[in-house]
Amino acid sequence: MTPAASAENLKMYQTYAAEHPEVRQGQSVDELVSSLEVHFRNTRMVDNARDMQLALISKGYSVQFDSFSDEDHFSVVPSEIGRALPFVLKP
């Protein structure tokens, strides 16, 4: 299961969809959550990032790919900013 499709996140999506019928576009909550599970399973975001790493390495760039299994789209922003600051602020 992808981080975005974790049980905790699916419960959050289910709660949001139940409270906001406008996002369901005529679907039931269960139908919407099921379609999200399929979407997350079919996206290749991590695979695409790995492919980009390999493409950049083949062009001579030094690239490191890190995947944080405990992170998702909601939690990654603060932690990634913290990881990026030393690089950005490097003199």
PDB file of N, CA and C in Angstrom:
ATOM      1  N   MET A   1       0.848  -1.175   0.000  1.00  0.00           N
ATOM      2  CA  MET A   1       0.000   0.000   0.000  1.00  0.00           C
ATOM      3  C   MET A   1       0.895   1.240   0.000  1.00  0.00           C
ATOM      4  N   THR A   2       0.574   2.190  -0.844  1.00  0.00           N
ATOM      5  CA  THR A   2       1.363   3.407  -0.909  1.00  0.00           C
ATOM      6  C   THR A   2       1.080   4.254   0.319  1.00  0.00           C
ATOM      7  N   PRO A   3       2.007   5.155   0.699  1.00  0.00           N
ATOM      8  CA  PRO A   3       1.744   6.004   1.859  1.00  0.00           C
ATOM      9  C   PRO A   3       0.434   6.778   1.736  1.00  0.00           C
ATOM     10  N   ALA A   4       0.126   7.274   0.534  1.00  0.00           N
ATOM     11  CA  ALA A   4      -1.100   8.054   0.346  1.00  0.00           C
ATOM     12  C   ALA A   4      -2.341   7.201   0.530  1.00  0.00           C
ATOM     13  N   ALA A   5      -2.219   5.881   0.344  1.00  0.00           N
ATOM     14  CA  ALA A   5      -3.361   4.990   0.481  1.00  0.00           C
ATOM     15  C   ALA A   5      -3.323   4.222   1.792  1.00  0.00           C
ATOM     16  N   SER A   6      -2.569   4.711   2.773  1.00  0.00           N
ATOM     17  CA  SER A   6      -2.510   4.037   4.063  1.00  0.00           C
ATOM     18  C   SER A   6      -3.891   4.037   4.709  1.00  0.00           C
ATOM     19  N   ALA A   7      -4.102   3.096   5.607  1.00  0.00           N
ATOM     20  CA  ALA A   7      -5.406   2.987   6.267  1.00  0.00           C
ATOM     21  C   ALA A   7      -5.790   4.290   6.964  1.00  0.00           C
ATOM     22  N   GLU A   8      -4.815   4.933   7.593  1.00  0.00           N
ATOM     23  CA  GLU A   8      -5.079   6.199   8.281  1.00  0.00           C
ATOM     24  C   GLU A   8      -5.524   7.284   7.297  1.00  0.00           C
ATOM     25  N   ASN A   9      -4.827   7.382   6.173  1.00  0.00           N
ATOM     26  CA  ASN A   9      -5.191   8.396   5.185  1.00  0.00           C
ATOM     27  C   ASN A   9      -6.528   8.080   4.528  1.00  0.00           C
ATOM     28  N   LEU A  10      -6.801   6.799   4.244  1.00  0.00           N
ATOM     29  CA  LEU A  10      -8.080   6.446   3.649  1.00  0.00           C
ATOM     30  C   LEU A  10      -9.226   6.796   4.588  1.00  0.00           C
ATOM     31  N   LYS A  11      -9.031   6.612   5.881  1.00  0.00           N
ATOM     32  CA  LYS A  11     -10.046   7.008   6.871  1.00  0.00           C
ATOM     33  C   LYS A  11     -10.246   8.520   6.841  1.00  0.00           C
ATOM     34  N   MET A  12      -9.143   9.266   6.712  1.00  0.00           N
ATOM     35  CA  MET A  12      -9.232  10.718   6.633  1.00  0.00           C
ATOM     36  C   MET A  12      -9.994  11.133   5.369  1.00  0.00           C
ATOM     37  N   TYR A  13      -9.684  10.486   4.218  1.00  0.00           N
ATOM     38  CA  TYR A  13     -10.399  10.793   2.980  1.00  0.00           C
ATOM     39  C   TYR A  13     -11.883  10.468   3.126  1.00  0.00           C
ATOM     40  N   GLN A  14     -12.177   9.357   3.787  1.00  0.00           N
ATOM     41  CA  GLN A  14     -13.569   8.946   3.984  1.00  0.00           C
ATOM     42  C   GLN A  14     -14.316   9.979   4.829  1.00  0.00           C
ATOM     43  N   THR A  15     -13.683  10.437   5.892  1.00  0.00           N
ATOM     44  CA  THR A  15     -14.311  11.449   6.747  1.00  0.00           C
ATOM     45  C   THR A  15     -14.528  12.745   5.980  1.00  0.00           C
ATOM     46  N   TYR A  16     -13.524  13.173   5.227  1.00  0.00           N
ATOM     47  CA  TYR A  16     -13.637  14.411   4.446  1.00  0.00           C
ATOM     48  C   TYR A  16     -14.764  14.294   3.422  1.00  0.00           C
ATOM     49  N   ALA A  17     -14.813  13.167   2.709  1.00  0.00           N
ATOM     50  CA  ALA A  17     -15.840  12.975   1.681  1.00  0.00           C
ATOM     51  C   ALA A  17     -17.232  12.947   2.290  1.00  0.00           C
ATOM     52  N   ALA A  18     -17.361  12.375   3.482  1.00  0.00           N
ATOM     53  CA  ALA A  18     -18.660  12.336   4.154  1.00  0.00           C
ATOM     54  C   ALA A  18     -19.115  13.732   4.551  1.00  0.00           C
ATOM     55  N   GLU A  19     -18.160  14.575   4.933  1.00  0.00           N
ATOM     56  CA  GLU A  19     -18.488  15.936   5.377  1.00  0.00           C
ATOM     57  C   GLU A  19     -18.602  16.927   4.226  1.00  0.00           C
ATOM     58  N   HIS A  20     -18.103  16.573   3.029  1.00  0.00           N
ATOM     59  CA  HIS A  20     -18.103  17.471   1.870  1.00  0.00           C
ATOM     60  C   HIS A  20     -18.672  16.745   0.649  1.00  0.00           C
ATOM     61  N   PRO A  21     -19.985  16.628   0.571  1.00  0.00           N
ATOM     62  CA  PRO A  21     -20.593  15.874  -0.540  1.00  0.00           C
ATOM     63  C   PRO A  21     -20.256  16.440  -1.917  1.00  0.00           C
ATOM     64  N   GLU A  22     -19.874  17.700  -1.983  1.00  0.00           N
ATOM     65  CA  GLU A  22     -19.548  18.306  -3.281  1.00  0.00           C
ATOM     66  C   GLU A  22     -18.330  17.660  -3.938  1.00  0.00           C
ATOM     67  N   VAL A  23     -17.444  17.057  -3.169  1.00  0.00           N
ATOM     68  CA  VAL A  23     -16.252  16.423  -3.757  1.00  0.00           C
ATOM     69  C   VAL A  23     -16.558  15.048  -4.331  1.00  0.00           C
ATOM     70  N   ARG A  24     -17.705  14.490  -3.957  1.00  0.00           N
ATOM     71  CA  ARG A  24     -18.028  13.122  -4.390  1.00  0.00           C
ATOM     72  C   ARG A  24     -18.585  13.067  -5.801  1.00  0.00           C
ATOM     73  N   GLN A  25     -19.075  14.157  -6.306  1.00  0.00           N
ATOM     74  CA  GLN A  25     -19.628  14.229  -7.663  1.00  0.00           C
ATOM     75  C   GLN A  25     -20.579  13.074  -7.963  1.00  0.00           C
ATOM     76  N   GLY A  26     -21.534  12.868  -7.058  1.00  0.00           N
ATOM     77  CA  GLY A  26     -22.553  11.841  -7.268  1.00  0.00           C
ATOM     78  C   GLY A  26     -22.164  10.456  -6.789  1.00  0.00           C
ATOM     79  N   GLN A  27     -20.929  10.265  -6.375  1.00  0.00           N
ATOM     80  CA  GLN A  27     -20.498   8.951  -5.879  1.00  0.00           C
ATOM     81  C   GLN A  27     -20.813   8.839  -4.393  1.00  0.00           C
ATOM     82  N   SER A  28     -20.949   7.607  -3.937  1.00  0.00           N
ATOM     83  CA  SER A  28     -21.046   7.394  -2.494  1.00  0.00           C
ATOM     84  C   SER A  28     -19.649   7.579  -1.897  1.00  0.00           C
ATOM     85  N   VAL A  29     -19.583   7.711  -0.594  1.00  0.00           N
ATOM     86  CA  VAL A  29     -18.294   7.842   0.084  1.00  0.00           C
ATOM     87  C   VAL A  29     -17.423   6.622  -0.213  1.00  0.00           C
ATOM     88  N   ASP A  30     -18.008   5.434  -0.122  1.00  0.00           N
ATOM     89  CA  ASP A  30     -17.244   4.203  -0.363  1.00  0.00           C
ATOM     90  C   ASP A  30     -16.739   4.130  -1.805  1.00  0.00           C
ATOM     91  N   GLU A  31     -17.567   4.565  -2.771  1.00  0.00           N
ATOM     92  CA  GLU A  31     -17.131   4.558  -4.169  1.00  0.00           C
ATOM     93  C   GLU A  31     -15.955   5.505  -4.380  1.00  0.00           C
ATOM     94  N   LEU A  32     -16.039   6.689  -3.778  1.00  0.00           N
ATOM     95  CA  LEU A  32     -14.956   7.665  -3.928  1.00  0.00           C
ATOM     96  C   LEU A  32     -13.660   7.150  -3.311  1.00  0.00           C
ATOM     97  N   VAL A  33     -13.743   6.627  -2.102  1.00  0.00           N
ATOM     98  CA  VAL A  33     -12.545   6.123  -1.429  1.00  0.00           C
ATOM     99  C   VAL A  33     -11.961   4.942  -2.208  1.00  0.00           C
ATOM    100  N   SER A  34     -12.808   4.083  -2.734  1.00  0.00           N
ATOM    101  CA  SER A  34     -12.340   2.964  -3.540  1.00  0.00           C
ATOM    102  C   SER A  34     -11.621   3.453  -4.789  1.00  0.00           C
ATOM    103  N   SER A  35     -12.164   4.481  -5.441  1.00  0.00           N
ATOM    104  CA  SER A  35     -11.509   5.018  -6.639  1.00  0.00           C
ATOM    105  C   SER A  35     -10.184   5.683  -6.280  1.00  0.00           C
ATOM    106  N   LEU A  36     -10.085   6.281  -5.092  1.00  0.00           N
ATOM    107  CA  LEU A  36      -8.814   6.860  -4.651  1.00  0.00           C
ATOM    108  C   LEU A  36      -7.772   5.763  -4.433  1.00  0.00           C
ATOM    109  N   GLU A  37      -8.201   4.642  -3.844  1.00  0.00           N
ATOM    110  CA  GLU A  37      -7.269   3.527  -3.641  1.00  0.00           C
ATOM    111  C   GLU A  37      -6.701   3.052  -4.973  1.00  0.00           C
ATOM    112  N   VAL A  38      -7.571   2.907  -5.969  1.00  0.00           N
ATOM    113  CA  VAL A  38      -7.130   2.475  -7.295  1.00  0.00           C
ATOM    114  C   VAL A  38      -6.186   3.507  -7.898  1.00  0.00           C
ATOM    115  N   HIS A  39      -6.541   4.783  -7.769  1.00  0.00           N
ATOM    116  CA  HIS A  39      -5.694   5.857  -8.306  1.00  0.00           C
ATOM    117  C   HIS A  39      -4.299   5.802  -7.692  1.00  0.00           C
ATOM    118  N   PHE A  40      -4.227   5.709  -6.365  1.00  0.00           N
ATOM    119  CA  PHE A  40      -2.927   5.695  -5.701  1.00  0.00           C
ATOM    120  C   PHE A  40      -2.118   4.460  -6.074  1.00  0.00           C
ATOM    121  N   ARG A  41      -2.810   3.340  -6.274  1.00  0.00           N
ATOM    122  CA  ARG A  41      -2.109   2.120  -6.665  1.00  0.00           C
ATOM    123  C   ARG A  41      -1.540   2.243  -8.076  1.00  0.00           C
ATOM    124  N   ASN A  42      -2.243   2.953  -8.947  1.00  0.00           N
ATOM    125  CA  ASN A  42      -1.851   3.050 -10.347  1.00  0.00           C
ATOM    126  C   ASN A  42      -0.877   4.190 -10.643  1.00  0.00           C
ATOM    127  N   THR A  43      -0.718   5.117  -9.735  1.00  0.00           N
ATOM    128  CA  THR A  43       0.241   6.192  -9.985  1.00  0.00           C
ATOM    129  C   THR A  43       1.649   5.661  -9.751  1.00  0.00           C
ATOM    130  N   ARG A  44       2.578   6.229 -10.433  1.00  0.00           N
ATOM    131  CA  ARG A  44       3.966   5.752 -10.352  1.00  0.00           C
ATOM    132  C   ARG A  44       4.874   6.856  -9.817  1.00  0.00           C
ATOM    133  N   MET A  45       4.397   7.638  -8.870  1.00  0.00           N
ATOM    134  CA  MET A  45       5.185   8.782  -8.412  1.00  0.00           C
ATOM    135  C   MET A  45       6.566   8.372  -7.920  1.00  0.00           C
ATOM    136  N   VAL A  46       6.634   7.369  -7.088  1.00  0.00           N
ATOM    137  CA  VAL A  46       7.931   6.934  -6.557  1.00  0.00           C
ATOM    138  C   VAL A  46       8.769   6.337  -7.679  1.00  0.00           C
ATOM    139  N   ASP A  47       8.135   5.508  -8.512  1.00  0.00           N
ATOM    140  CA  ASP A  47       8.865   4.926  -9.646  1.00  0.00           C
ATOM    141  C   ASP A  47       9.376   6.009 -10.585  1.00  0.00           C
ATOM    142  N   ASN A  48       8.546   7.020 -10.828  1.00  0.00           N
ATOM    143  CA  ASN A  48       8.965   8.117 -11.705  1.00  0.00           C
ATOM    144  C   ASN A  48      10.143   8.885 -11.106  1.00  0.00           C
ATOM    145  N   ALA A  49      10.128   9.081  -9.796  1.00  0.00           N
ATOM    146  CA  ALA A  49      11.249   9.774  -9.145  1.00  0.00           C
ATOM    147  C   ALA A  49      12.529   8.953  -9.268  1.00  0.00           C
ATOM    148  N   ARG A  50      12.416   7.645  -9.108  1.00  0.00           N
ATOM    149  CA  ARG A  50      13.599   6.782  -9.270  1.00  0.00           C
ATOM    150  C   ARG A  50      14.106   6.827 -10.708  1.00  0.00           C
ATOM    151  N   ASP A  51      13.157   6.799 -11.668  1.00  0.00           N
ATOM    152  CA  ASP A  51      13.541   6.886 -13.083  1.00  0.00           C
ATOM    153  C   ASP A  51      14.255   8.199 -13.378  1.00  0.00           C
ATOM    154  N   MET A  52      13.771   9.300 -12.778  1.00  0.00           N
ATOM    155  CA  MET A  52      14.408  10.604 -12.989  1.00  0.00           C
ATOM    156  C   MET A  52      15.815  10.595 -12.416  1.00  0.00           C
ATOM    157  N   GLN A  53      15.979   9.986 -11.246  1.00  0.00           N
ATOM    158  CA  GLN A  53      17.304   9.885 -10.649  1.00  0.00           C
ATOM    159  C   GLN A  53      18.266   9.190 -11.606  1.00  0.00           C
ATOM    160  N   LEU A  54      17.834   8.064 -12.154  1.00  0.00           N
ATOM    161  CA  LEU A  54      18.698   7.310 -13.072  1.00  0.00           C
ATOM    162  C   LEU A  54      19.004   8.107 -14.332  1.00  0.00           C
ATOM    163  N   ALA A  55      18.019   8.824 -14.837  1.00  0.00           N
ATOM    164  CA  ALA A  55      18.232   9.640 -16.034  1.00  0.00           C
ATOM    165  C   ALA A  55      19.248  10.746 -15.757  1.00  0.00           C
ATOM    166  N   LEU A  56      19.144  11.384 -14.595  1.00  0.00           N
ATOM    167  CA  LEU A  56      20.085  12.454 -14.252  1.00  0.00           C
ATOM    168  C   LEU A  56      21.489  11.906 -14.018  1.00  0.00           C
ATOM    169  N   ILE A  57      21.577  10.747 -13.373  1.00  0.00           N
ATOM    170  CA  ILE A  57      22.881  10.119 -13.163  1.00  0.00           C
ATOM    171  C   ILE A  57      23.523   9.791 -14.510  1.00  0.00           C
ATOM    172  N   SER A  58      22.719   9.311 -15.453  1.00  0.00           N
ATOM    173  CA  SER A  58      23.262   8.964 -16.769  1.00  0.00           C
ATOM    174  C   SER A  58      23.779  10.193 -17.517  1.00  0.00           C
ATOM    175  N   LYS A  59      23.334  11.382 -17.097  1.00  0.00           N
ATOM    176  CA  LYS A  59      23.804  12.635 -17.711  1.00  0.00           C
ATOM    177  C   LYS A  59      24.972  13.233 -16.931  1.00  0.00           C
ATOM    178  N   GLY A  60      25.432  12.521 -15.892  1.00  0.00           N
ATOM    179  CA  GLY A  60      26.598  12.976 -15.145  1.00  0.00           C
ATOM    180  C   GLY A  60      26.302  13.732 -13.865  1.00  0.00           C
ATOM    181  N   TYR A  61      25.026  13.883 -13.509  1.00  0.00           N
ATOM    182  CA  TYR A  61      24.687  14.586 -12.272  1.00  0.00           C
ATOM    183  C   TYR A  61      24.825  13.647 -11.082  1.00  0.00           C
ATOM    184  N   SER A  62      25.159  14.215  -9.940  1.00  0.00           N
ATOM    185  CA  SER A  62      25.200  13.455  -8.703  1.00  0.00           C
ATOM    186  C   SER A  62      23.838  13.620  -8.019  1.00  0.00           C
ATOM    187  N   VAL A  63      23.073  12.559  -7.986  1.00  0.00           N
ATOM    188  CA  VAL A  63      21.705  12.630  -7.485  1.00  0.00           C
ATOM    189  C   VAL A  63      21.483  11.520  -6.480  1.00  0.00           C
ATOM    190  N   GLN A  64      20.805  11.855  -5.399  1.00  0.00           N
ATOM    191  CA  GLN A  64      20.459  10.861  -4.391  1.00  0.00           C
ATOM    192  C   GLN A  64      18.947  10.804  -4.281  1.00  0.00           C
ATOM    193  N   PHE A  65      18.390   9.618  -4.328  1.00  0.00           N
ATOM    194  CA  PHE A  65      16.953   9.424  -4.160  1.00  0.00           C
ATOM    195  C   PHE A  65      16.707   8.862  -2.777  1.00  0.00           C
ATOM    196  N   ASP A  66      15.844   9.502  -2.022  1.00  0.00           N
ATOM    197  CA  ASP A  66      15.456   9.012  -0.702  1.00  0.00           C
ATOM    198  C   ASP A  66      13.946   8.861  -0.674  1.00  0.00           C
ATOM    199  N   SER A  67      13.487   7.749  -0.158  1.00  0.00           N
ATOM    200  CA  SER A  67      12.055   7.529   0.027  1.00  0.00           C
ATOM    201  C   SER A  67      11.816   7.309   1.508  1.00  0.00           C
ATOM    202  N   PHE A  68      10.878   8.030   2.050  1.00  0.00           N
ATOM    203  CA  PHE A  68      10.577   7.948   3.475  1.00  0.00           C
ATOM    204  C   PHE A  68       9.204   7.300   3.628  1.00  0.00           C
ATOM    205  N   SER A  69       9.190   6.023   3.946  1.00  0.00           N
ATOM    206  CA  SER A  69       7.943   5.258   3.958  1.00  0.00           C
ATOM    207  C   SER A  69       6.934   5.773   4.981  1.00  0.00           C
ATOM    208  N   ASP A  70       7.407   6.467   6.000  1.00  0.00           N
ATOM    209  CA  ASP A  70       6.477   6.977   7.004  1.00  0.00           C
ATOM    210  C   ASP A  70       5.948   8.366   6.659  1.00  0.00           C
ATOM    211  N   GLU A  71       6.309   8.902   5.510  1.00  0.00           N
ATOM    212  CA  GLU A  71       5.858  10.222   5.086  1.00  0.00           C
ATOM    213  C   GLU A  71       4.781  10.096   4.010  1.00  0.00           C
ATOM    214  N   ASP A  72       3.904  11.085   3.946  1.00  0.00           N
ATOM    215  CA  ASP A  72       2.919  11.166   2.882  1.00  0.00           C
ATOM    216  C   ASP A  72       2.832  12.616   2.424  1.00  0.00           C
ATOM    217  N   HIS A  73       1.904  12.915   1.542  1.00  0.00           N
ATOM    218  CA  HIS A  73       1.825  14.263   0.990  1.00  0.00           C
ATOM    219  C   HIS A  73       1.521  15.322   2.047  1.00  0.00           C
ATOM    220  N   PHE A  74       0.906  14.919   3.154  1.00  0.00           N
ATOM    221  CA  PHE A  74       0.574  15.882   4.189  1.00  0.00           C
ATOM    222  C   PHE A  74       1.739  16.115   5.151  1.00  0.00           C
ATOM    223  N   SER A  75       2.481  15.080   5.441  1.00  0.00           N
ATOM    224  CA  SER A  75       3.534  15.203   6.447  1.00  0.00           C
ATOM    225  C   SER A  75       4.885  15.554   5.858  1.00  0.00           C
ATOM    226  N   VAL A  76       5.051  15.408   4.572  1.00  0.00           N
ATOM    227  CA  VAL A  76       6.371  15.541   3.966  1.00  0.00           C
ATOM    228  C   VAL A  76       6.857  16.989   3.905  1.00  0.00           C
ATOM    229  N   VAL A  77       5.964  17.947   3.791  1.00  0.00           N
ATOM    230  CA  VAL A  77       6.388  19.340   3.585  1.00  0.00           C
ATOM    231  C   VAL A  77       7.267  19.855   4.722  1.00  0.00           C
ATOM    232  N   PRO A  78       6.837  19.794   5.971  1.00  0.00           N
ATOM    233  CA  PRO A  78       7.719  20.314   7.033  1.00  0.00           C
ATOM    234  C   PRO A  78       9.046  19.571   7.133  1.00  0.00           C
ATOM    235  N   SER A  79       9.001  18.248   7.011  1.00  0.00           N
ATOM    236  CA  SER A  79      10.254  17.493   7.144  1.00  0.00           C
ATOM    237  C   SER A  79      11.184  17.749   5.963  1.00  0.00           C
ATOM    238  N   GLU A  80      10.641  17.892   4.767  1.00  0.00           N
ATOM    239  CA  GLU A  80      11.490  18.167   3.598  1.00  0.00           C
ATOM    240  C   GLU A  80      12.068  19.576   3.641  1.00  0.00           C
ATOM    241  N   ILE A  81      11.317  20.535   4.142  1.00  0.00           N
ATOM    242  CA  ILE A  81      11.866  21.891   4.306  1.00  0.00           C
ATOM    243  C   ILE A  81      13.038  21.838   5.271  1.00  0.00           C
ATOM    244  N   GLY A  82      12.865  21.092   6.358  1.00  0.00           N
ATOM    245  CA  GLY A  82      13.957  20.955   7.320  1.00  0.00           C
ATOM    246  C   GLY A  82      15.179  20.294   6.720  1.00  0.00           C
ATOM    247  N   ARG A  83      14.971  19.330   5.834  1.00  0.00           N
ATOM    248  CA  ARG A  83      16.104  18.671   5.173  1.00  0.00           C
ATOM    249  C   ARG A  83      16.753  19.559   4.126  1.00  0.00           C
ATOM    250  N   ALA A  84      15.977  20.442   3.528  1.00  0.00           N
ATOM    251  CA  ALA A  84      16.491  21.283   2.443  1.00  0.00           C
ATOM    252  C   ALA A  84      17.209  22.540   2.944  1.00  0.00           C
ATOM    253  N   LEU A  85      16.843  23.031   4.100  1.00  0.00           N
ATOM    254  CA  LEU A  85      17.422  24.288   4.588  1.00  0.00           C
ATOM    255  C   LEU A  85      18.957  24.290   4.637  1.00  0.00           C
ATOM    256  N   PRO A  86      19.601  23.255   5.162  1.00  0.00           N
ATOM    257  CA  PRO A  86      21.081  23.292   5.162  1.00  0.00           C
ATOM    258  C   PRO A  86      21.653  23.419   3.749  1.00  0.00           C
ATOM    259  N   PHE A  87      21.014  22.785   2.774  1.00  0.00           N
ATOM    260  CA  PHE A  87      21.471  22.874   1.399  1.00  0.00           C
ATOM    261  C   PHE A  87      21.257  24.284   0.842  1.00  0.00           C
ATOM    262  N   VAL A  88      20.090  24.835   1.075  1.00  0.00           N
ATOM    263  CA  VAL A  88      19.726  26.152   0.544  1.00  0.00           C
ATOM    264  C   VAL A  88      20.554  27.256   1.201  1.00  0.00           C
ATOM    265  N   LEU A  89      20.790  27.129   2.490  1.00  0.00           N
ATOM    266  CA  LEU A  89      21.494  28.182   3.231  1.00  0.00           C
ATOM    267  C   LEU A  89      23.007  28.003   3.251  1.00  0.00           C
ATOM    268  N   LYS A  90      23.496  27.001   2.557  1.00  0.00           N
ATOM    269  CA  LYS A  90      24.927  26.732   2.521  1.00  0.00           C
ATOM    270  C   LYS A  90      25.644  27.939   1.882  1.00  0.00           C
ATOM    271  N   PRO A  91      26.703  28.435   2.541  1.00  0.00           N
ATOM    272  CA  PRO A  91      27.385  29.620   1.974  1.00  0.00           C
ATOM    273  C   PRO A  91      28.116  29.290   0.678  1.00  0.00           C
TER     274      PRO A  91
END
